[in-house]
């Protein structure tokens, strides 16, 4: 499972050091 706030890697790090992952699942208990 991914953390809500994580350190970016690769080319994304050029723009931002940290990112947020808001999607951790859904009403049907899917895991992304």
N, C-alpha and C. Protein backbone atom coordinates (compact mmCIF):
# COMPACT_ATOMS: atom_id res chain seq x y z
N UNK A 1 0.85 -1.18 0.00
CA UNK A 1 0.00 0.00 0.00
C UNK A 1 0.89 1.24 0.00
N UNK A 2 0.51 2.24 -0.78
CA UNK A 2 1.28 3.48 -0.86
C UNK A 2 0.94 4.39 0.31
N UNK A 3 1.89 5.21 0.68
CA UNK A 3 1.65 6.21 1.71
C UNK A 3 0.87 7.37 1.11
N UNK A 4 0.17 8.11 1.96
CA UNK A 4 -0.59 9.27 1.48
C UNK A 4 0.36 10.35 0.98
N UNK A 5 1.42 10.63 1.70
CA UNK A 5 2.43 11.60 1.27
C UNK A 5 3.72 10.83 1.03
N UNK A 6 4.28 11.01 -0.15
CA UNK A 6 5.49 10.27 -0.49
C UNK A 6 6.48 11.14 -1.24
N UNK A 7 7.73 10.71 -1.26
CA UNK A 7 8.80 11.42 -1.94
C UNK A 7 8.78 11.05 -3.42
N UNK A 8 8.80 12.06 -4.27
CA UNK A 8 8.77 11.80 -5.71
C UNK A 8 10.12 11.28 -6.18
N UNK A 9 10.10 10.61 -7.33
CA UNK A 9 11.32 10.07 -7.92
C UNK A 9 11.38 10.43 -9.40
N UNK A 10 12.53 10.28 -9.98
CA UNK A 10 12.68 10.49 -11.41
C UNK A 10 12.43 11.93 -11.84
N UNK A 11 11.79 12.07 -13.01
CA UNK A 11 11.55 13.40 -13.57
C UNK A 11 10.59 14.22 -12.74
N UNK A 12 9.68 13.59 -12.01
CA UNK A 12 8.72 14.32 -11.18
C UNK A 12 9.44 15.11 -10.09
N UNK A 13 10.58 14.62 -9.65
CA UNK A 13 11.33 15.29 -8.58
C UNK A 13 11.86 16.66 -9.02
N UNK A 14 11.99 16.88 -10.33
CA UNK A 14 12.44 18.18 -10.84
C UNK A 14 11.42 19.26 -10.49
N UNK A 15 10.16 18.90 -10.38
CA UNK A 15 9.10 19.86 -10.15
C UNK A 15 8.66 19.94 -8.70
N UNK A 16 8.74 18.83 -7.99
CA UNK A 16 8.23 18.79 -6.62
C UNK A 16 8.92 17.67 -5.84
N UNK A 17 9.31 17.95 -4.62
CA UNK A 17 9.98 16.95 -3.79
C UNK A 17 9.03 15.96 -3.14
N UNK A 18 7.81 16.41 -2.86
CA UNK A 18 6.81 15.55 -2.23
C UNK A 18 5.53 15.56 -3.05
N UNK A 19 4.77 14.48 -2.95
CA UNK A 19 3.48 14.37 -3.64
C UNK A 19 2.48 13.73 -2.70
N UNK A 20 1.22 13.80 -3.07
CA UNK A 20 0.16 13.21 -2.24
C UNK A 20 -0.65 12.23 -3.08
N UNK A 21 -0.98 11.12 -2.47
CA UNK A 21 -1.80 10.10 -3.12
C UNK A 21 -3.13 10.06 -2.37
N UNK A 22 -4.17 10.61 -2.99
CA UNK A 22 -5.48 10.68 -2.33
C UNK A 22 -6.29 9.41 -2.48
N UNK A 23 -5.96 8.57 -3.45
CA UNK A 23 -6.75 7.38 -3.74
C UNK A 23 -6.15 6.14 -3.10
N UNK A 24 -6.83 5.61 -2.10
CA UNK A 24 -6.35 4.40 -1.43
C UNK A 24 -7.33 3.26 -1.58
N UNK A 25 -8.46 3.51 -2.20
CA UNK A 25 -9.48 2.48 -2.38
C UNK A 25 -10.80 3.09 -2.78
N UNK A 26 -11.85 2.31 -2.76
CA UNK A 26 -13.17 2.80 -3.11
C UNK A 26 -14.22 2.11 -2.24
N UNK A 27 -15.48 2.43 -2.49
CA UNK A 27 -16.58 1.84 -1.71
C UNK A 27 -16.65 0.33 -1.85
N UNK A 28 -16.14 -0.18 -2.95
CA UNK A 28 -16.20 -1.62 -3.22
C UNK A 28 -14.96 -2.36 -2.71
N UNK A 29 -14.17 -1.67 -1.87
CA UNK A 29 -12.95 -2.22 -1.26
C UNK A 29 -11.87 -2.57 -2.27
N UNK A 30 -11.85 -1.83 -3.38
CA UNK A 30 -10.76 -1.98 -4.35
C UNK A 30 -9.52 -1.30 -3.77
N UNK A 31 -8.37 -1.80 -4.07
CA UNK A 31 -7.12 -1.19 -3.62
C UNK A 31 -6.35 -0.76 -4.85
N UNK A 32 -5.94 0.50 -4.87
CA UNK A 32 -5.19 1.04 -6.00
C UNK A 32 -3.74 1.14 -5.67
